Protein backbone atom coordinates (compact mmCIF):
# COMPACT_ATOMS: atom_id res chain seq x y z
CA UNK A 1 -2.10 43.75 85.81
CA UNK A 2 -5.14 41.79 84.66
CA UNK A 3 -6.53 38.73 86.41
CA UNK A 4 -5.65 35.36 84.89
CA UNK A 5 -8.28 33.84 82.63
CA UNK A 6 -10.45 31.16 84.18
CA UNK A 7 -11.78 28.04 82.53
CA UNK A 8 -15.33 26.88 83.06
CA UNK A 9 -15.28 23.16 83.81
CA UNK A 10 -18.40 22.61 81.71
CA UNK A 11 -16.49 23.63 78.59
CA UNK A 12 -13.88 20.89 78.91
CA UNK A 13 -16.01 17.85 78.04
CA UNK A 14 -18.30 17.55 75.05
CA UNK A 15 -20.35 15.08 73.03
CA UNK A 16 -20.49 15.81 69.34
CA UNK A 17 -22.56 13.70 66.94
CA UNK A 18 -20.27 12.33 64.26
CA UNK A 19 -17.10 12.71 66.35
CA UNK A 20 -15.93 9.59 68.16
CA UNK A 21 -19.39 8.08 67.74
CA UNK A 22 -20.89 10.81 69.89
CA UNK A 23 -19.07 9.54 72.98
CA UNK A 24 -17.94 12.12 75.52
CA UNK A 25 -14.48 13.44 74.83
CA UNK A 26 -12.19 16.22 75.92
CA UNK A 27 -13.25 19.29 73.93
CA UNK A 28 -10.92 20.22 71.11
CA UNK A 29 -9.23 16.82 71.11
CA UNK A 30 -9.96 13.30 69.96
CA UNK A 31 -9.33 11.90 73.42
CA UNK A 32 -12.41 10.16 74.78
CA UNK A 33 -13.36 9.92 78.41
CA UNK A 34 -13.22 6.13 78.13
CA UNK A 35 -9.59 6.34 76.99
CA UNK A 36 -8.67 8.36 80.08
CA UNK A 37 -10.66 5.96 82.27
CA UNK A 38 -8.95 2.95 80.67
CA UNK A 39 -5.52 4.31 81.64
CA UNK A 40 -6.80 5.22 85.09
CA UNK A 41 -8.17 1.73 85.68
CA UNK A 42 -4.81 0.30 84.67
CA UNK A 43 -3.38 2.15 87.65
CA UNK A 44 -1.98 5.27 86.04
CA UNK A 45 -2.18 8.52 87.97
CA UNK A 46 -3.73 11.61 86.36
CA UNK A 47 -0.20 13.03 86.09
CA UNK A 48 1.01 9.93 84.23
CA UNK A 49 -1.99 10.08 81.91
CA UNK A 50 -1.26 13.73 81.14
CA UNK A 51 2.32 12.73 80.32
CA UNK A 52 0.96 10.23 77.75
CA UNK A 53 -0.94 13.05 76.01
CA UNK A 54 1.28 16.13 75.92
CA UNK A 55 -1.52 18.18 74.34
CA UNK A 56 -3.65 17.65 77.48
CA UNK A 57 -3.05 19.59 80.63
CA UNK A 58 -3.66 18.04 84.02
CA UNK A 59 -6.91 19.97 84.46
CA UNK A 60 -8.43 18.31 81.40
CA UNK A 61 -7.44 14.85 82.64
CA UNK A 62 -9.05 15.58 86.00
CA UNK A 63 -12.14 16.94 84.22
CA UNK A 64 -12.41 13.68 82.29
CA UNK A 65 -12.13 11.66 85.49
CA UNK A 66 -14.66 13.92 87.23
CA UNK A 67 -17.08 13.41 84.32
CA UNK A 68 -16.61 9.64 84.58
CA UNK A 69 -17.18 9.57 88.34
CA UNK A 70 -20.21 11.87 88.11
CA UNK A 71 -21.70 9.64 85.39
CA UNK A 72 -20.23 6.30 86.42
CA UNK A 73 -23.33 4.12 85.86
CA UNK A 74 -23.96 5.49 82.37
CA UNK A 75 -20.28 5.38 81.42
CA UNK A 76 -19.86 1.80 82.68
CA UNK A 77 -22.95 0.70 80.76
CA UNK A 78 -21.70 2.37 77.56
CA UNK A 79 -18.23 0.88 77.97
CA UNK A 80 -19.70 -2.60 78.55
CA UNK A 81 -21.73 -2.32 75.33
CA UNK A 82 -18.66 -1.17 73.41
CA UNK A 83 -16.56 -4.01 74.82
CA UNK A 84 -19.22 -6.61 73.97
CA UNK A 85 -19.41 -5.28 70.41
CA UNK A 86 -15.63 -5.35 70.10
CA UNK A 87 -15.58 -8.95 71.36
CA UNK A 88 -18.32 -9.89 68.87
CA UNK A 89 -16.39 -8.39 65.96
CA UNK A 90 -13.19 -10.14 67.02
CA UNK A 91 -14.94 -13.51 67.27
CA UNK A 92 -16.56 -13.00 63.87
CA UNK A 93 -13.20 -12.13 62.36
CA UNK A 94 -11.62 -15.26 63.87
CA UNK A 95 -14.37 -17.46 62.41
CA UNK A 96 -13.80 -16.02 58.95
CA UNK A 97 -10.00 -16.10 59.04
CA UNK A 98 -8.27 -19.13 57.48
CA UNK A 99 -6.48 -21.19 60.09
CA UNK A 100 -8.44 -19.57 62.95
CA UNK A 101 -8.66 -21.61 66.13
């Protein structure tokens, strides 16, 4: 009987220019680390997050959370920039929309 295959943690998270704006994501998927973190911050457990994404196993969810925690300052800064840009776009859209308040 052969030994079970092992997975190197470093292969689970990637940044690819041109995919998801180059933000870190779970390799082989379109799921970004910030998406996993968003669910986590809403109070979902890693198991619940994995249930939301049937194509992700629990190990990949934990890898995403480990990446976030190991790079928390950088990730928080990137997420704050993205949120500010999203808010700016929303406000601009509201100003241009007829009947906007």
